[in-house]
Protein backbone atom coordinates (compact mmCIF):
# COMPACT_ATOMS: atom_id res chain seq x y z
CA MET A 1 -15.87 -47.53 -28.41
CA ILE A 2 -18.48 -44.80 -27.98
CA ASP A 3 -19.02 -43.95 -24.31
CA ARG A 4 -22.39 -43.57 -22.64
CA SER A 5 -22.18 -39.79 -22.31
CA SER A 6 -21.62 -39.33 -26.07
CA LYS A 7 -24.68 -41.45 -26.80
CA GLN A 8 -26.75 -39.42 -24.35
CA ILE A 9 -25.65 -36.08 -25.81
CA LEU A 10 -26.50 -37.20 -29.36
CA ALA A 11 -29.86 -38.66 -28.28
CA LYS A 12 -30.78 -35.47 -26.43
CA ASN A 13 -29.87 -33.33 -29.44
CA ILE A 14 -31.84 -35.50 -31.87
CA ARG A 15 -34.91 -35.20 -29.65
CA HIS A 16 -34.39 -31.43 -29.40
CA TYR A 17 -34.30 -30.92 -33.17
CA MET A 18 -37.22 -33.30 -33.71
CA GLU A 19 -39.29 -31.20 -31.31
CA GLN A 20 -38.05 -27.97 -32.84
CA ASN A 21 -39.07 -29.16 -36.31
CA ASN A 22 -42.24 -30.92 -35.13
CA LYS A 23 -41.15 -34.30 -36.46
CA THR A 24 -42.34 -37.73 -35.30
CA ARG A 25 -40.20 -40.85 -35.15
CA ASN A 26 -42.13 -42.37 -38.05
CA GLU A 27 -41.46 -39.29 -40.19
CA MET A 28 -37.78 -39.42 -39.30
CA CYS A 29 -37.51 -43.11 -40.14
CA GLU A 30 -39.18 -42.60 -43.51
CA ALA A 31 -36.99 -39.60 -44.39
CA LEU A 32 -33.75 -41.31 -43.34
CA GLY A 33 -34.60 -44.79 -44.58
CA VAL A 34 -33.97 -46.52 -41.25
CA LYS A 35 -35.96 -48.99 -39.19
CA TYR A 36 -38.14 -47.67 -36.37
CA THR A 37 -36.33 -49.83 -33.81
CA THR A 38 -32.95 -48.57 -35.00
CA PHE A 39 -33.99 -44.95 -34.74
CA THR A 40 -35.59 -45.57 -31.33
CA ASP A 41 -32.31 -46.97 -30.06
CA TRP A 42 -30.57 -43.73 -31.17
CA VAL A 43 -32.99 -41.41 -29.37
CA ASN A 44 -32.90 -43.61 -26.27
CA ALA A 45 -29.08 -43.54 -26.21
CA LYS A 46 -28.86 -47.33 -26.56
CA THR A 47 -26.82 -47.30 -29.76
CA TYR A 48 -24.73 -44.76 -31.67
CA PRO A 49 -25.28 -44.25 -35.41
CA ARG A 50 -22.52 -44.45 -37.99
CA ILE A 51 -20.90 -41.14 -38.97
CA ASP A 52 -22.69 -41.14 -42.34
CA ARG A 53 -26.02 -41.41 -40.51
CA ILE A 54 -25.06 -38.50 -38.24
CA GLU A 55 -24.21 -36.44 -41.32
CA GLN A 56 -27.56 -37.45 -42.82
CA LEU A 57 -29.36 -36.30 -39.65
CA ALA A 58 -27.52 -32.96 -39.67
CA ALA A 59 -28.37 -32.39 -43.33
CA TYR A 60 -32.02 -33.25 -42.67
CA PHE A 61 -32.28 -30.69 -39.85
CA GLY A 62 -30.17 -28.14 -41.76
CA ILE A 63 -27.55 -27.86 -39.01
CA GLU A 64 -23.84 -28.49 -38.54
CA LYS A 65 -22.82 -31.99 -37.48
CA SER A 66 -21.28 -30.52 -34.31
CA ALA A 67 -24.75 -29.35 -33.22
CA LEU A 68 -25.68 -33.01 -32.78
CA LEU A 69 -22.42 -34.18 -31.22
CA GLU A 70 -21.77 -31.44 -28.66
CA GLU A 71 -23.52 -30.61 -25.40
CA ARG A 72 -26.04 -27.85 -25.97
CA LEU A 73 -25.88 -24.75 -23.75
CA PRO A 74 -28.98 -23.74 -21.79
CA ALA A 75 -31.09 -21.03 -23.44
CA GLY A 76 -29.51 -17.62 -22.95
CA ALA A 77 -26.20 -19.03 -21.70
CA ILE A 78 -23.03 -17.29 -22.81
CA PRO A 79 -20.17 -19.65 -23.74
CA TYR A 80 -17.15 -19.26 -21.48
CA GLN A 81 -14.08 -18.00 -23.28
CA LYS A 82 -10.89 -18.01 -21.31
CA ARG A 83 -9.15 -14.68 -21.45
CA PRO A 84 -5.42 -14.64 -22.17
CA THR A 85 -3.39 -14.05 -19.03
CA GLN A 86 0.17 -13.54 -17.86
CA PRO A 87 1.62 -14.60 -14.50
CA ILE A 88 2.50 -11.49 -12.47
CA PRO A 89 4.52 -11.87 -9.24
CA ILE A 90 2.91 -11.31 -5.85
CA VAL A 91 5.37 -9.31 -3.75
CA GLY A 92 5.06 -9.86 -0.03
CA VAL A 93 7.58 -7.32 1.23
CA VAL A 94 8.78 -4.17 -0.50
CA SER A 95 11.62 -2.40 1.28
CA CYS A 96 13.60 0.61 0.10
CA GLY A 97 16.97 -0.50 -1.27
CA VAL A 98 15.76 -4.04 -2.05
CA PRO A 99 14.81 -4.73 -5.69
CA LEU A 100 11.03 -5.03 -5.97
CA LEU A 101 11.18 -8.35 -7.75
CA ALA A 102 14.00 -9.86 -5.73
CA GLU A 103 13.47 -13.60 -5.15
CA ASP A 104 13.05 -13.11 -1.40
CA ASN A 105 10.15 -10.70 -2.02
CA ILE A 106 8.14 -12.92 -4.36
CA GLU A 107 5.66 -15.21 -2.63
CA GLY A 108 3.90 -16.49 -5.75
CA TYR A 109 2.30 -15.53 -9.04
CA TYR A 110 -1.19 -14.43 -10.02
CA GLU A 111 -2.62 -14.99 -13.50
CA THR A 112 -3.47 -11.49 -14.70
CA SER A 113 -5.64 -10.63 -17.69
CA LEU A 114 -3.65 -9.11 -20.55
CA LYS A 115 -6.27 -6.36 -20.80
CA ASP A 116 -5.10 -5.07 -17.41
CA ILE A 117 -1.44 -4.68 -18.34
CA THR A 118 0.55 -2.86 -21.00
CA THR A 119 3.31 -4.53 -22.99
CA GLY A 120 6.74 -3.27 -22.03
CA GLU A 121 5.74 -2.19 -18.51
CA THR A 122 6.69 -3.99 -15.27
CA TYR A 123 3.93 -4.97 -12.86
CA PHE A 124 3.63 -6.71 -9.51
CA TRP A 125 0.83 -7.56 -7.10
CA LEU A 126 1.04 -6.38 -3.50
CA ARG A 127 -1.02 -7.59 -0.55
CA ALA A 128 -2.71 -4.70 1.25
CA LYS A 129 -1.85 -4.34 4.93
CA GLY A 130 -3.79 -2.38 7.54
CA ASP A 131 -6.81 -0.14 7.08
CA SER A 132 -5.33 3.25 6.18
CA MET A 133 -7.04 3.19 2.73
CA ILE A 134 -10.45 1.74 3.61
CA ASN A 135 -12.36 4.79 2.36
CA VAL A 136 -11.38 3.88 -1.20
CA GLY A 137 -12.35 0.23 -0.64
CA ILE A 138 -8.90 -1.20 0.12
CA HIS A 139 -8.89 -3.68 2.99
CA GLU A 140 -6.41 -6.00 4.64
CA GLY A 141 -5.45 -8.87 2.32
CA ASP A 142 -6.73 -7.32 -0.91
CA LEU A 143 -4.47 -7.75 -3.93
CA LEU A 144 -3.21 -4.53 -5.51
CA LEU A 145 -1.88 -4.47 -9.06
CA ILE A 146 1.02 -2.02 -9.16
CA ARG A 147 2.77 -0.67 -12.25
CA GLN A 148 6.38 -0.08 -11.38
CA GLN A 149 7.37 3.58 -11.87
CA ASN A 150 9.30 6.21 -9.93
CA ASP A 151 6.84 9.07 -10.38
CA VAL A 152 3.08 9.56 -10.48
CA ASP A 153 0.62 12.38 -11.02
CA SER A 154 -0.80 14.33 -8.12
CA GLY A 155 -3.89 12.52 -6.83
CA ASP A 156 -2.69 9.03 -7.82
CA ILE A 157 -2.52 6.23 -5.28
CA ALA A 158 1.00 4.87 -5.13
CA VAL A 159 3.38 2.58 -3.29
CA VAL A 160 6.03 4.69 -1.57
CA SER A 161 8.98 4.10 0.73
CA ILE A 162 10.32 6.64 3.20
CA ASN A 163 14.07 6.18 3.58
CA GLY A 164 14.60 2.54 4.61
CA ASP A 165 11.08 1.81 5.77
CA ASP A 166 8.83 -0.82 4.20
CA ALA A 167 6.57 0.38 1.43
CA THR A 168 3.22 1.97 2.20
CA LEU A 169 0.21 2.73 0.01
CA LYS A 170 -1.01 6.33 0.07
CA ARG A 171 -2.55 8.96 -2.17
CA ILE A 172 0.15 11.31 -3.46
CA ILE A 173 -0.62 15.02 -3.40
CA LYS A 174 1.96 17.29 -5.00
CA LYS A 175 2.30 20.90 -3.99
CA GLU A 176 4.95 23.47 -4.77
CA HIS A 177 8.00 22.40 -2.73
CA ALA A 178 5.98 19.70 -0.92
CA ILE A 179 4.74 16.12 -1.25
CA ILE A 180 1.79 14.95 0.84
CA LEU A 181 1.11 11.30 1.66
CA GLN A 182 -2.61 11.18 2.33
CA PRO A 183 -4.33 8.15 3.89
CA GLU A 184 -7.97 7.39 3.10
CA ASN A 185 -8.95 6.90 6.72
CA PRO A 186 -9.33 9.87 9.11
CA ALA A 187 -7.85 7.78 11.91
CA TYR A 188 -4.44 8.06 10.26
CA GLU A 189 -2.17 11.07 10.06
CA THR A 190 -1.44 12.84 6.78
CA LYS A 191 2.32 13.21 6.31
CA ILE A 192 3.79 16.29 4.64
CA PHE A 193 7.35 16.42 3.30
CA VAL A 194 8.88 19.77 2.40
CA GLY A 195 12.23 21.04 1.17
CA GLU A 196 15.03 18.50 1.58
CA GLU A 197 12.61 16.00 3.15
CA ILE A 198 11.13 15.37 -0.31
CA ALA A 199 14.26 13.41 -1.24
CA SER A 200 13.36 10.78 1.37
CA VAL A 201 10.10 9.93 -0.47
CA HIS A 202 10.68 7.15 -3.01
CA ILE A 203 7.76 6.27 -5.28
CA ARG A 204 7.85 2.60 -6.23
CA GLY A 205 4.76 2.24 -8.40
CA ARG A 206 1.20 3.32 -9.18
CA LEU A 207 -1.95 1.44 -8.17
CA MET A 208 -3.67 0.17 -11.32
CA LYS A 209 -6.24 -2.34 -10.10
CA LEU A 210 -7.75 -3.81 -6.94
CA GLU A 211 -8.73 -7.47 -6.49
CA LYS A 212 -10.96 -7.95 -3.46
CA ARG A 213 -10.24 -10.77 -1.02
CA PHE A 214 -13.09 -11.67 1.34
């Protein structure tokens, strides 16, 4: 049984193409060989024509049959196309010595567009804490897409652990015989590690993308 919405969609589309082609109901009835009352019931969504009549209508207007059967988009609208995604874990706590993706760390998963990740690499999302990176737009609760790696280039923003402390997000500045962890908020202290202290700095991953949370 044809539902009411299908009748309404077809009726609306018939009226649209009649107007587009400047056709009257009498002209349509004559061209299709149908009674005026029958055609009127179609355009008023009272009855639904047989499939051969729908094909006849499509051929008359020079369009695909689907153009009559499917809901038309508003002028200028762009059809929504779902992008392929992959679930990436959201890590709540990242401590030195505990595997990043340990079950106790994972608080859920976030569907991540495949265009944002590279095949063969390991990624996780981290919830931003505090305001030490606000000058680059990172605020409490924002989601940070991290690519797991144990080294980054100087100037990159990375997740790092110092000895057994929880992970922190800072800009990494590399100097000869020194690593600098630079916050992006003047209220916080820049930390400099030199000589043997460098061994206490463990890079866990590089910031790849920020998802704002308001």
